Amino acid sequence: METLQNITTAQYEIINLLSCINKDEDVSELKSVIVQFLNSRLQKEIDHLWDNGTLTDARVKAWQNEHMRTPYKHAR
């Protein structure tokens, strides 16, 4: 786990803001807001990749058959 010496300024600011939250329902609501924020950022990046041609229908269709699982070796 990272120590406070290794966190970014943004992470430090979030930690300070979180000191005001002490109810479980507030934590749940905050998580929802953060997920919405990250989803919006991700959608903007996907749109950018689509607009500049990096992401295409052909590429997305190729992913349907791609095997991305990590091979694990069984210990004997």
N, C-alpha and C. Protein backbone atom coordinates (compact mmCIF):
# COMPACT_ATOMS: atom_id res chain seq x y z
N MET A 1 0.84 -1.18 0.00
CA MET A 1 0.00 0.00 0.00
C MET A 1 0.88 1.24 0.00
N GLU A 2 0.47 2.25 -0.77
CA GLU A 2 1.26 3.48 -0.84
C GLU A 2 1.17 4.25 0.46
N THR A 3 2.25 4.94 0.77
CA THR A 3 2.23 5.82 1.94
C THR A 3 1.78 7.20 1.48
N LEU A 4 1.45 8.04 2.43
CA LEU A 4 1.02 9.40 2.09
C LEU A 4 2.13 10.18 1.39
N GLN A 5 3.36 9.78 1.53
CA GLN A 5 4.47 10.46 0.87
C GLN A 5 4.46 10.21 -0.64
N ASN A 6 3.79 9.15 -1.09
CA ASN A 6 3.82 8.77 -2.50
C ASN A 6 2.54 9.11 -3.26
N ILE A 7 1.65 9.88 -2.68
CA ILE A 7 0.39 10.18 -3.36
C ILE A 7 0.51 11.49 -4.13
N THR A 8 -0.33 11.63 -5.13
CA THR A 8 -0.34 12.85 -5.93
C THR A 8 -1.10 13.95 -5.19
N THR A 9 -0.96 15.16 -5.69
CA THR A 9 -1.70 16.28 -5.11
C THR A 9 -3.20 16.03 -5.20
N ALA A 10 -3.65 15.51 -6.34
CA ALA A 10 -5.09 15.23 -6.50
C ALA A 10 -5.56 14.21 -5.49
N GLN A 11 -4.78 13.15 -5.27
CA GLN A 11 -5.15 12.13 -4.30
C GLN A 11 -5.21 12.73 -2.89
N TYR A 12 -4.28 13.59 -2.58
CA TYR A 12 -4.26 14.24 -1.27
C TYR A 12 -5.51 15.09 -1.07
N GLU A 13 -5.90 15.83 -2.11
CA GLU A 13 -7.09 16.67 -2.03
C GLU A 13 -8.34 15.82 -1.80
N ILE A 14 -8.44 14.68 -2.48
CA ILE A 14 -9.58 13.79 -2.30
C ILE A 14 -9.62 13.26 -0.87
N ILE A 15 -8.47 12.87 -0.34
CA ILE A 15 -8.41 12.38 1.04
C ILE A 15 -8.90 13.45 2.00
N ASN A 16 -8.49 14.68 1.79
CA ASN A 16 -8.95 15.78 2.65
C ASN A 16 -10.46 15.95 2.55
N LEU A 17 -11.02 15.87 1.35
CA LEU A 17 -12.46 16.01 1.18
C LEU A 17 -13.21 14.86 1.87
N LEU A 18 -12.64 13.67 1.82
CA LEU A 18 -13.29 12.51 2.40
C LEU A 18 -13.38 12.58 3.92
N SER A 19 -12.57 13.40 4.53
CA SER A 19 -12.62 13.52 5.99
C SER A 19 -13.96 14.09 6.45
N CYS A 20 -14.72 14.70 5.54
CA CYS A 20 -16.03 15.26 5.88
C CYS A 20 -17.14 14.22 5.79
N ILE A 21 -16.86 13.07 5.23
CA ILE A 21 -17.89 12.05 5.01
C ILE A 21 -17.80 11.00 6.11
N ASN A 22 -18.94 10.80 6.80
CA ASN A 22 -18.93 9.81 7.88
C ASN A 22 -20.14 8.89 7.87
N LYS A 23 -20.99 8.99 6.85
CA LYS A 23 -22.15 8.11 6.76
C LYS A 23 -21.98 7.16 5.58
N ASP A 24 -22.38 5.92 5.77
CA ASP A 24 -22.26 4.93 4.71
C ASP A 24 -23.03 5.33 3.46
N GLU A 25 -24.22 5.93 3.64
CA GLU A 25 -25.00 6.33 2.46
C GLU A 25 -24.31 7.45 1.69
N ASP A 26 -23.56 8.31 2.38
CA ASP A 26 -22.79 9.35 1.70
C ASP A 26 -21.65 8.74 0.89
N VAL A 27 -21.02 7.73 1.46
CA VAL A 27 -19.95 7.04 0.74
C VAL A 27 -20.51 6.39 -0.52
N SER A 28 -21.66 5.77 -0.39
CA SER A 28 -22.30 5.13 -1.54
C SER A 28 -22.64 6.15 -2.62
N GLU A 29 -23.18 7.28 -2.21
CA GLU A 29 -23.53 8.33 -3.17
C GLU A 29 -22.28 8.88 -3.85
N LEU A 30 -21.23 9.08 -3.08
CA LEU A 30 -19.98 9.58 -3.64
C LEU A 30 -19.40 8.59 -4.65
N LYS A 31 -19.46 7.31 -4.32
CA LYS A 31 -18.97 6.30 -5.26
C LYS A 31 -19.73 6.38 -6.58
N SER A 32 -21.03 6.58 -6.48
CA SER A 32 -21.86 6.70 -7.68
C SER A 32 -21.46 7.91 -8.52
N VAL A 33 -21.22 9.02 -7.86
CA VAL A 33 -20.81 10.24 -8.56
C VAL A 33 -19.45 10.03 -9.24
N ILE A 34 -18.53 9.39 -8.56
CA ILE A 34 -17.21 9.14 -9.13
C ILE A 34 -17.31 8.20 -10.33
N VAL A 35 -18.13 7.17 -10.23
CA VAL A 35 -18.32 6.24 -11.35
C VAL A 35 -18.89 6.99 -12.55
N GLN A 36 -19.87 7.86 -12.31
CA GLN A 36 -20.45 8.65 -13.41
C GLN A 36 -19.39 9.55 -14.05
N PHE A 37 -18.56 10.18 -13.22
CA PHE A 37 -17.49 11.03 -13.72
C PHE A 37 -16.51 10.24 -14.59
N LEU A 38 -16.06 9.09 -14.08
CA LEU A 38 -15.11 8.27 -14.83
C LEU A 38 -15.73 7.73 -16.11
N ASN A 39 -17.01 7.37 -16.06
CA ASN A 39 -17.70 6.89 -17.24
C ASN A 39 -17.75 7.99 -18.31
N SER A 40 -18.02 9.21 -17.89
CA SER A 40 -18.06 10.33 -18.82
C SER A 40 -16.70 10.56 -19.47
N ARG A 41 -15.64 10.49 -18.67
CA ARG A 41 -14.28 10.66 -19.21
C ARG A 41 -13.95 9.55 -20.19
N LEU A 42 -14.32 8.32 -19.86
CA LEU A 42 -14.07 7.19 -20.73
C LEU A 42 -14.83 7.33 -22.04
N GLN A 43 -16.09 7.74 -21.96
CA GLN A 43 -16.90 7.91 -23.17
C GLN A 43 -16.30 8.98 -24.08
N LYS A 44 -15.81 10.07 -23.50
CA LYS A 44 -15.16 11.12 -24.30
C LYS A 44 -13.93 10.57 -25.01
N GLU A 45 -13.14 9.75 -24.33
CA GLU A 45 -11.94 9.17 -24.94
C GLU A 45 -12.32 8.20 -26.05
N ILE A 46 -13.35 7.38 -25.82
CA ILE A 46 -13.82 6.46 -26.86
C ILE A 46 -14.30 7.25 -28.08
N ASP A 47 -15.05 8.31 -27.85
CA ASP A 47 -15.52 9.15 -28.97
C ASP A 47 -14.34 9.75 -29.74
N HIS A 48 -13.33 10.19 -29.02
CA HIS A 48 -12.13 10.74 -29.66
C HIS A 48 -11.44 9.69 -30.53
N LEU A 49 -11.27 8.48 -29.99
CA LEU A 49 -10.65 7.41 -30.75
C LEU A 49 -11.47 7.04 -31.97
N TRP A 50 -12.78 7.08 -31.83
CA TRP A 50 -13.67 6.77 -32.95
C TRP A 50 -13.55 7.85 -34.02
N ASP A 51 -13.56 9.11 -33.58
CA ASP A 51 -13.51 10.24 -34.52
C ASP A 51 -12.19 10.30 -35.29
N ASN A 52 -11.09 9.92 -34.65
CA ASN A 52 -9.80 10.00 -35.36
C ASN A 52 -9.44 8.70 -36.09
N GLY A 53 -10.34 7.71 -36.05
CA GLY A 53 -10.14 6.49 -36.81
C GLY A 53 -9.33 5.41 -36.12
N THR A 54 -8.89 5.66 -34.90
CA THR A 54 -8.15 4.64 -34.16
C THR A 54 -9.06 3.47 -33.80
N LEU A 55 -10.29 3.78 -33.47
CA LEU A 55 -11.29 2.76 -33.13
C LEU A 55 -12.28 2.67 -34.29
N THR A 56 -12.47 1.46 -34.80
CA THR A 56 -13.36 1.25 -35.94
C THR A 56 -14.27 0.05 -35.68
N ASP A 57 -15.30 -0.09 -36.53
CA ASP A 57 -16.18 -1.26 -36.43
C ASP A 57 -15.38 -2.55 -36.58
N ALA A 58 -14.46 -2.57 -37.53
CA ALA A 58 -13.66 -3.77 -37.78
C ALA A 58 -12.83 -4.14 -36.55
N ARG A 59 -12.27 -3.15 -35.90
CA ARG A 59 -11.45 -3.42 -34.71
C ARG A 59 -12.31 -3.97 -33.57
N VAL A 60 -13.49 -3.38 -33.39
CA VAL A 60 -14.38 -3.85 -32.33
C VAL A 60 -14.84 -5.27 -32.62
N LYS A 61 -15.16 -5.57 -33.87
CA LYS A 61 -15.58 -6.92 -34.24
C LYS A 61 -14.45 -7.92 -34.04
N ALA A 62 -13.21 -7.52 -34.30
CA ALA A 62 -12.07 -8.41 -34.09
C ALA A 62 -11.92 -8.77 -32.62
N TRP A 63 -12.27 -7.85 -31.74
CA TRP A 63 -12.18 -8.11 -30.29
C TRP A 63 -13.16 -9.20 -29.86
N GLN A 64 -14.25 -9.40 -30.59
CA GLN A 64 -15.24 -10.40 -30.22
C GLN A 64 -14.64 -11.80 -30.18
N ASN A 65 -13.65 -12.05 -31.02
CA ASN A 65 -13.05 -13.38 -31.09
C ASN A 65 -11.68 -13.45 -30.43
N GLU A 66 -11.25 -12.36 -29.85
CA GLU A 66 -9.93 -12.32 -29.24
C GLU A 66 -9.96 -12.95 -27.85
N HIS A 67 -8.98 -13.77 -27.58
CA HIS A 67 -8.87 -14.43 -26.28
C HIS A 67 -7.90 -13.62 -25.43
N MET A 68 -8.40 -12.92 -24.43
CA MET A 68 -7.55 -12.02 -23.64
C MET A 68 -7.28 -12.53 -22.23
N ARG A 69 -7.63 -13.74 -21.94
CA ARG A 69 -7.43 -14.26 -20.59
C ARG A 69 -5.95 -14.58 -20.37
N THR A 70 -5.52 -14.36 -19.17
CA THR A 70 -4.15 -14.65 -18.80
C THR A 70 -3.99 -16.14 -18.59
N PRO A 71 -3.00 -16.75 -19.28
CA PRO A 71 -2.79 -18.19 -19.04
C PRO A 71 -2.10 -18.39 -17.68
N TYR A 72 -2.65 -19.26 -16.90
CA TYR A 72 -2.08 -19.58 -15.59
C TYR A 72 -1.53 -20.99 -15.60
N LYS A 73 -0.35 -21.12 -15.04
CA LYS A 73 0.24 -22.45 -14.92
C LYS A 73 -0.14 -23.00 -13.56
N HIS A 74 -0.56 -24.23 -13.56
CA HIS A 74 -0.96 -24.86 -12.30
C HIS A 74 0.28 -25.38 -11.58
N ALA A 75 0.39 -25.02 -10.32
CA ALA A 75 1.51 -25.51 -9.50
C ALA A 75 1.27 -26.98 -9.21
N ARG A 76 2.29 -27.74 -9.29
CA ARG A 76 2.19 -29.18 -9.03
C ARG A 76 2.99 -29.56 -7.83
